[in-house]
Amino acid sequence: MMPRLVITYLIGLVSAPLVAKVVQPIARSAVKTTIELGLHARKLAVDAAEDLQDLVAETTAEMAAAEMEKKTGASVAGSKSR
């Protein structure tokens, strides 16, 4: 009679290639999905940064126009009155 350890080893030896054929596509799909999510998150972050930069630029221009208006007492061309 074979020891249990040898039987377990042989079962593992025979089943390993079969398990690898099943697990590899699942693992590859999980990695691909993770990469796609990371790229999408990066794009969202870049878009958010651009929006924030635009907002800062607009606010800075409005503040500069308001300061100029205060100094000169006249409305600066292109500024919006509120």
N, C-alpha and C. Protein backbone atom coordinates (compact mmCIF):
# COMPACT_ATOMS: atom_id res chain seq x y z
N MET A 1 0.84 -1.18 0.00
CA MET A 1 0.00 0.00 0.00
C MET A 1 0.89 1.25 0.00
N MET A 2 0.54 2.23 -0.86
CA MET A 2 1.32 3.46 -0.97
C MET A 2 0.99 4.38 0.19
N PRO A 3 1.99 5.10 0.65
CA PRO A 3 1.71 6.07 1.69
C PRO A 3 0.82 7.19 1.15
N ARG A 4 0.04 7.77 2.03
CA ARG A 4 -0.89 8.83 1.65
C ARG A 4 -0.19 10.01 0.99
N LEU A 5 0.97 10.35 1.47
CA LEU A 5 1.71 11.48 0.93
C LEU A 5 2.04 11.28 -0.55
N VAL A 6 2.42 10.06 -0.92
CA VAL A 6 2.76 9.77 -2.31
C VAL A 6 1.51 9.88 -3.19
N ILE A 7 0.41 9.39 -2.71
CA ILE A 7 -0.84 9.47 -3.48
C ILE A 7 -1.24 10.94 -3.67
N THR A 8 -1.15 11.71 -2.61
CA THR A 8 -1.48 13.14 -2.70
C THR A 8 -0.56 13.84 -3.68
N TYR A 9 0.73 13.50 -3.64
CA TYR A 9 1.70 14.08 -4.55
C TYR A 9 1.36 13.74 -5.99
N LEU A 10 1.03 12.51 -6.25
CA LEU A 10 0.71 12.09 -7.61
C LEU A 10 -0.57 12.76 -8.12
N ILE A 11 -1.56 12.90 -7.26
CA ILE A 11 -2.79 13.58 -7.64
C ILE A 11 -2.48 15.04 -7.99
N GLY A 12 -1.67 15.68 -7.17
CA GLY A 12 -1.28 17.06 -7.44
C GLY A 12 -0.48 17.18 -8.72
N LEU A 13 0.40 16.24 -8.96
CA LEU A 13 1.25 16.24 -10.16
C LEU A 13 0.39 16.12 -11.42
N VAL A 14 -0.62 15.28 -11.38
CA VAL A 14 -1.49 15.07 -12.53
C VAL A 14 -2.47 16.22 -12.71
N SER A 15 -2.99 16.74 -11.61
CA SER A 15 -4.02 17.77 -11.71
C SER A 15 -3.47 19.18 -11.91
N ALA A 16 -2.21 19.42 -11.61
CA ALA A 16 -1.63 20.77 -11.71
C ALA A 16 -1.77 21.36 -13.11
N PRO A 17 -1.44 20.64 -14.17
CA PRO A 17 -1.62 21.24 -15.51
C PRO A 17 -3.08 21.55 -15.83
N LEU A 18 -3.98 20.72 -15.36
CA LEU A 18 -5.40 20.96 -15.60
C LEU A 18 -5.88 22.21 -14.87
N VAL A 19 -5.44 22.33 -13.63
CA VAL A 19 -5.81 23.51 -12.84
C VAL A 19 -5.21 24.76 -13.45
N ALA A 20 -3.98 24.67 -13.92
CA ALA A 20 -3.31 25.82 -14.53
C ALA A 20 -4.07 26.30 -15.76
N LYS A 21 -4.60 25.36 -16.56
CA LYS A 21 -5.35 25.73 -17.76
C LYS A 21 -6.64 26.47 -17.41
N VAL A 22 -7.21 26.17 -16.24
CA VAL A 22 -8.44 26.83 -15.82
C VAL A 22 -8.13 28.16 -15.14
N VAL A 23 -7.12 28.17 -14.29
CA VAL A 23 -6.82 29.36 -13.48
C VAL A 23 -6.14 30.46 -14.30
N GLN A 24 -5.32 30.09 -15.26
CA GLN A 24 -4.57 31.10 -16.01
C GLN A 24 -5.48 32.10 -16.73
N PRO A 25 -6.51 31.68 -17.46
CA PRO A 25 -7.37 32.68 -18.10
C PRO A 25 -8.10 33.57 -17.09
N ILE A 26 -8.48 33.01 -15.96
CA ILE A 26 -9.15 33.80 -14.93
C ILE A 26 -8.19 34.84 -14.37
N ALA A 27 -6.97 34.43 -14.09
CA ALA A 27 -5.96 35.35 -13.56
C ALA A 27 -5.63 36.42 -14.59
N ARG A 28 -5.49 36.03 -15.85
CA ARG A 28 -5.19 37.00 -16.91
C ARG A 28 -6.31 38.02 -17.04
N SER A 29 -7.54 37.56 -16.97
CA SER A 29 -8.69 38.46 -17.04
C SER A 29 -8.70 39.43 -15.86
N ALA A 30 -8.39 38.93 -14.68
CA ALA A 30 -8.36 39.80 -13.49
C ALA A 30 -7.27 40.86 -13.63
N VAL A 31 -6.11 40.48 -14.12
CA VAL A 31 -5.01 41.44 -14.31
C VAL A 31 -5.39 42.47 -15.36
N LYS A 32 -5.99 42.02 -16.46
CA LYS A 32 -6.40 42.94 -17.53
C LYS A 32 -7.42 43.95 -17.01
N THR A 33 -8.40 43.47 -16.25
CA THR A 33 -9.42 44.35 -15.70
C THR A 33 -8.80 45.36 -14.74
N THR A 34 -7.86 44.91 -13.92
CA THR A 34 -7.19 45.81 -12.98
C THR A 34 -6.41 46.90 -13.73
N ILE A 35 -5.73 46.53 -14.78
CA ILE A 35 -4.97 47.51 -15.58
C ILE A 35 -5.92 48.51 -16.22
N GLU A 36 -7.03 48.01 -16.78
CA GLU A 36 -8.00 48.91 -17.41
C GLU A 36 -8.59 49.89 -16.39
N LEU A 37 -8.90 49.39 -15.21
CA LEU A 37 -9.43 50.27 -14.16
C LEU A 37 -8.40 51.32 -13.76
N GLY A 38 -7.15 50.92 -13.66
CA GLY A 38 -6.08 51.86 -13.32
C GLY A 38 -5.92 52.95 -14.38
N LEU A 39 -5.99 52.55 -15.65
CA LEU A 39 -5.87 53.54 -16.73
C LEU A 39 -7.07 54.48 -16.73
N HIS A 40 -8.25 53.94 -16.48
CA HIS A 40 -9.45 54.78 -16.42
C HIS A 40 -9.36 55.77 -15.24
N ALA A 41 -8.89 55.28 -14.10
CA ALA A 41 -8.74 56.15 -12.93
C ALA A 41 -7.71 57.25 -13.21
N ARG A 42 -6.65 56.90 -13.91
CA ARG A 42 -5.64 57.90 -14.25
C ARG A 42 -6.23 58.98 -15.16
N LYS A 43 -7.03 58.56 -16.15
CA LYS A 43 -7.66 59.53 -17.06
C LYS A 43 -8.61 60.44 -16.28
N LEU A 44 -9.38 59.87 -15.37
CA LEU A 44 -10.28 60.68 -14.56
C LEU A 44 -9.50 61.69 -13.72
N ALA A 45 -8.37 61.27 -13.17
CA ALA A 45 -7.55 62.17 -12.37
C ALA A 45 -6.98 63.30 -13.22
N VAL A 46 -6.54 62.99 -14.42
CA VAL A 46 -6.01 64.02 -15.32
C VAL A 46 -7.10 65.01 -15.69
N ASP A 47 -8.29 64.49 -16.00
CA ASP A 47 -9.41 65.38 -16.34
C ASP A 47 -9.78 66.28 -15.16
N ALA A 48 -9.80 65.73 -13.97
CA ALA A 48 -10.12 66.51 -12.78
C ALA A 48 -9.05 67.58 -12.54
N ALA A 49 -7.79 67.24 -12.75
CA ALA A 49 -6.71 68.21 -12.57
C ALA A 49 -6.84 69.35 -13.59
N GLU A 50 -7.19 69.02 -14.83
CA GLU A 50 -7.37 70.05 -15.85
C GLU A 50 -8.54 70.97 -15.48
N ASP A 51 -9.63 70.38 -15.01
CA ASP A 51 -10.78 71.19 -14.60
C ASP A 51 -10.41 72.12 -13.46
N LEU A 52 -9.64 71.61 -12.51
CA LEU A 52 -9.21 72.42 -11.37
C LEU A 52 -8.29 73.55 -11.83
N GLN A 53 -7.38 73.26 -12.76
CA GLN A 53 -6.49 74.30 -13.28
C GLN A 53 -7.29 75.38 -14.00
N ASP A 54 -8.30 74.96 -14.77
CA ASP A 54 -9.16 75.94 -15.45
C ASP A 54 -9.88 76.82 -14.43
N LEU A 55 -10.40 76.20 -13.39
CA LEU A 55 -11.12 76.94 -12.36
C LEU A 55 -10.19 77.95 -11.66
N VAL A 56 -8.97 77.52 -11.37
CA VAL A 56 -8.01 78.42 -10.73
C VAL A 56 -7.67 79.59 -11.66
N ALA A 57 -7.48 79.30 -12.93
CA ALA A 57 -7.15 80.36 -13.89
C ALA A 57 -8.30 81.36 -14.02
N GLU A 58 -9.53 80.85 -14.10
CA GLU A 58 -10.69 81.74 -14.21
C GLU A 58 -10.85 82.60 -12.96
N THR A 59 -10.70 81.97 -11.80
CA THR A 59 -10.84 82.70 -10.55
C THR A 59 -9.75 83.75 -10.40
N THR A 60 -8.54 83.41 -10.77
CA THR A 60 -7.43 84.36 -10.70
C THR A 60 -7.69 85.55 -11.62
N ALA A 61 -8.20 85.28 -12.82
CA ALA A 61 -8.50 86.36 -13.76
C ALA A 61 -9.62 87.25 -13.21
N GLU A 62 -10.64 86.65 -12.62
CA GLU A 62 -11.73 87.43 -12.03
C GLU A 62 -11.24 88.28 -10.87
N MET A 63 -10.36 87.72 -10.06
CA MET A 63 -9.82 88.47 -8.93
C MET A 63 -8.96 89.63 -9.42
N ALA A 64 -8.15 89.38 -10.46
CA ALA A 64 -7.31 90.44 -11.01
C ALA A 64 -8.18 91.54 -11.61
N ALA A 65 -9.26 91.16 -12.28
CA ALA A 65 -10.16 92.15 -12.88
C ALA A 65 -10.84 92.96 -11.79
N ALA A 66 -11.26 92.30 -10.72
CA ALA A 66 -11.90 93.00 -9.62
C ALA A 66 -10.93 93.96 -8.95
N GLU A 67 -9.69 93.55 -8.79
CA GLU A 67 -8.66 94.41 -8.18
C GLU A 67 -8.40 95.62 -9.08
N MET A 68 -8.32 95.37 -10.38
CA MET A 68 -8.08 96.46 -11.32
C MET A 68 -9.27 97.42 -11.30
N GLU A 69 -10.46 96.87 -11.21
CA GLU A 69 -11.67 97.69 -11.17
C GLU A 69 -11.67 98.56 -9.91
N LYS A 70 -11.22 97.97 -8.81
CA LYS A 70 -11.15 98.74 -7.56
C LYS A 70 -10.16 99.89 -7.69
N LYS A 71 -9.02 99.63 -8.31
CA LYS A 71 -7.98 100.65 -8.44
C LYS A 71 -8.39 101.75 -9.40
N THR A 72 -9.00 101.40 -10.51
CA THR A 72 -9.33 102.41 -11.52
C THR A 72 -10.73 102.97 -11.37
N GLY A 73 -11.58 102.24 -10.70
CA GLY A 73 -12.94 102.69 -10.52
C GLY A 73 -13.81 102.45 -11.74
N ALA A 74 -13.27 101.78 -12.73
CA ALA A 74 -14.03 101.49 -13.96
C ALA A 74 -14.04 100.00 -14.20
N SER A 75 -15.02 99.56 -14.96
CA SER A 75 -15.14 98.14 -15.29
C SER A 75 -14.10 97.77 -16.32
N VAL A 76 -13.44 96.65 -16.14
CA VAL A 76 -12.43 96.18 -17.08
C VAL A 76 -13.15 95.42 -18.17
N ALA A 77 -12.76 95.66 -19.42
CA ALA A 77 -13.41 95.03 -20.57
C ALA A 77 -13.32 93.51 -20.44
N GLY A 78 -14.42 92.86 -20.70
CA GLY A 78 -14.44 91.40 -20.65
C GLY A 78 -14.79 90.83 -19.30
N SER A 79 -14.83 91.67 -18.27
CA SER A 79 -15.17 91.14 -16.95
C SER A 79 -16.68 91.09 -16.83
N LYS A 80 -17.14 90.15 -16.08
CA LYS A 80 -18.58 89.98 -15.88
C LYS A 80 -18.99 90.72 -14.62
N SER A 81 -20.04 91.50 -14.72
CA SER A 81 -20.54 92.15 -13.51
C SER A 81 -21.62 91.28 -12.91
N ARG A 82 -21.62 91.21 -11.60
CA ARG A 82 -22.56 90.32 -10.92
C ARG A 82 -23.40 91.13 -9.97
